[in-house]
């Protein structure tokens, strides 16, 4: 080959090497920039890319003025490579790498940056360039500066040190790390040694002919590193093949664009981009399942198709005759080779048929390889290229009939296999095969027309190149059919293609006509530019485009696709209908009818989880197309739906099994999970299972049979089903919540009505919302009469229940068993106890009050019975005491009466009789009077009274007696409200306590009378206390225990009934009297009385 051809090939290799190294470097660097291994390796590859790029600029340069500058750029990348490679050798791999200090980093990197700077900025590295051949500037001789040899020593030393470092680690490492080090070490060593020899050592000895051959060998390093990344997880970049494809495509597009524009070959770019698209699709499909024969054959197919397209670009655009011939030959070489993966693809897609042994596969590529070699290294197929005014054409040689027969046989076999499979395939597989046929039509019709019809009938060869552009949509469609489980209907693709093509054609026609009219006529008439009017037309087109799309879409729906539904309209209508239903029975009917009408399915089942959460069962429904199904929660279908949370389609399961069985090189059989799912689906006869997911849990399933039309469920159908399933999940949650609310309401109502206490709830306005049966019974009012009314309206403003509700609602005070009375139109005044609590909503806002009303009638009656029993017991005790007390005076009187006849005339006897009889009779009279007082204490008449006034009446009466005894009376009255008491009876209590205190201090002392507030219930005073304290001699513990017993007294001549009667009176007031005393310190009586005896 000529020097120009070698230079051209070298440029292509340099471009590929730049793209690959830049992709690897960017992916490694940005994957984990903080990791020193990724950081150093990424910058190493970036340095390699800069080094190669500088060589590319130097080789492509045709300007003598720039030759020196580009030559001085070439050591820059090399200087950085040495430093970053040594740095990388110290930190790689992770298991054997060490930490690098700042001083070490400076030692590694500083020399490289120094040499890079002086190479560009001075002549110390390269002094001058001597051009011998103007056609080949890159072969110029170079005069090196004094530092170049130092640079060479630096590079070789750093490179050798890095190699030795990696070699040492390789010998110490084991397992995966050892393999990773090997591939990096081998790739760097090979490419580095060749680069040192060709681009560093030989030029020092005056041999510049091979100077530009060093960088292409870095491709070896890139390939070894890429292989280590893919196979041995180098740098822990496991997903490079899938994600790195996008990096590779972007980098290749940028680098290629720059190269073709820089070389003035911008016309290569469209076909170059199509080639990149093919390569990217091949890598994506291959990385999706690298062991699947369908994916492998597709990747090979698009690779050779891309190669054919790019070589076609060389054939059509190259100006050099040798490049044109090479491009033409490579086009047919690619055509020969792509037939092999085409047959492979047809055999294995979508399932393997027919079964072919390996001997056939070994024979199949042989004809294509032989024909390719004959085409490439001879002129038997492409004899020459002729040039015409309309373009260029290939003159074929004697090998052309073999080419035609070969292609016809392979393509014909492909179509025959696919047609045969179409008859025996499932609905889904038929759709996949239709995609392949449709994609073949996309590329076949334009290329057949451009290469056969137009040249033969119209002598027009100009459409051959544009026809190649249809290869990319064909490749995309095939990739879509291979990768996607859920395919759009081919009808939809045709429909959308027709709609947008028609709309775009009309828009372009309008714009073209507008430009022609305005430029031709308007400028001639006015002499002014039509730019403004053209802009207005463009604006009008922007407004009209969407209506045109809608018009053509309606047109195609009306005349060609009448049976298809409008996705958005259907979704909107069904969603509105589902959202309006909240009862489970109605929702089930609506779901069944909606899915049957929309999808036109043969049968349907709607399954919900039972209460024990062990089965999914069909909801009871009577419908011809409704099917009753029951599956366990642990069944294969349910488990699959729970795991994937995606729609399960039988055709997809079949397709997945086909992908993972004979088509896999690892020989793995059918996955057990897939088989169980397929078996259950076949047993139940259901094609599609739609999970209803709520809050991450499977709550129901919609099972659909096949379509009545026999069509497969397209991606549009699956998308609609998935969206509707989400709507159903929301509606199902709402229905269940509604059912729970109703059940809870009924449950709460049952609880309310069965409670033994009255329950009333009041809203924030004070209106009664709830009033249960016991509340009706206690209050004597019907719920219908009080619901919606305010508490104040029912019981009045001053009623205690009104105050309780108002206080709880406004102040947040909660009452617990607050004793009071409730006015009832039936029962009169009912003793009750109120408990109240504030009600809040979920946001913490106050929404009302709940009041519990406890009927205290039976309790009060029981207390009264206990009190009566206590009184009867006391009366019995008193009767016994009276019998003893009265018997003593009666005995004296009896003796006197017996002696009366004998001693009637005895003056002494008569004197004693006149003394004893009155005294004993008075004693009996006093006992009888005390008994009558005790009896009166059982019958009390309450009225409001001022407590201080009652105390002062008694104190004023006894104050002279106290003063005479030397007793000081101290008063300590608190401000208290009026209380309800029996005035006369309570006065007797105070009188008893005061006189007892005075009598307890015969030698004088202090009598303190104190009143103070007692207990408060939620801020309201409920009791008051009266304290009577003396400083007398005090009482022993034994005396205190008997102090309130009848006839117990510590005073001479006392009856022992005063404190008993006082206790009875206080008890009748629902109060309490307690005593505290210590010998020598005095005694304190504390009387506790309620403020009110009965509040309404």
Foldseek 3Di string as FASTA:
>chain_A
DDPVVVLVVLLVLLLVLLLLLQLQLVCLCVVCVPQQLSVLSSVLSVLLSQLSVLLSCLFLDLDQVCNLQSVLSNLLSLLQNLLSLLSNLQQPDVVRHDDDDPVNSCVSGVRSNVSNVCSNPHQQAWPDWAADDSVGRQQIATDGHVCNVVSLVSSVVSLVNSLVSLVVVLVVDDDLSNLLSVLQSVLCVVLVVQLCVQQNVVSVVVGRPRNSVSSSSNVSNSVSNVVCCDPSVVSVNPCCLQVSLVSSLVSSLVSVCVVCVVSVNNVLNVLLNLLSLLQSLLSNLCVVPVFFQLSPLLSLLSNLLSQLSSLVSQLFRPPDQVSNLQSVLSNLLSVLQNLLSLLSNLCCVLFHPDDDDVVCNVPVSVVSVVVSVCSNPHCQAFVGWDADPQGIDTDGHPCVVVSVVSNCVSVVSSVVSLVVCCVVAAQQSVQLSVLLVVLCCQLVVQQCCLPPVCCVPVVHNNSNSVSSSSNNVSSVSNSCSSPDLFAAGVVVVVLLVVLLVVLVVVLVVQLVVQVCCCVPPVCVVPVDHCVVVSVVSVVVSVVCSVVSSVVSSVVCCVPPVVPADDLVVLLVVLLVVLVVDQAPVVNLVSVQVSCCVHQVFQAKFKWFQDPVRFKTWGDDDDDPRYDTDIDTCPALVNVVCLVPVAKDFLSSLVSVQSRPDPSGPVRDHGDPSSVRVNVVCVVVQFGMWHFQDDPSDGGIIMTTHHHPVSHDQHPSNRVSSNSVSPSSNVSVVSNVVVVVVVVVVVVVLVVQQPDCWWKWKAWLVQATADTYPNNCVQQVHDPVVRHRHHPCVVQNDQFPVNVQFVCCNPVVFWFDQQWFWHAHPVPGTWTWGKTKGFDADPVRHTTTMMIIIGGCRVVVVVVVVVLVVVVVVLVVLLVVVLCVLLVVLVVVVVVLVVCCVVCVVPPVSVVVCVVSVVVSVVSNVVSVVLVVLLVVLLDADKDWDDPVVLLVVLCVVCVVVQVVQAEAEAEAEDDDGTAIARSVLLSLLSNLLVVVQSVQRSNYWYWYWYKAFDDATSNHGWKIKIKTKTQGQWDDPVCQVCQLRFQDDPDPPDRSRSSVSSQSNLVSQVKDWHKDIDGRGTIMIMIMGTRYPHGD
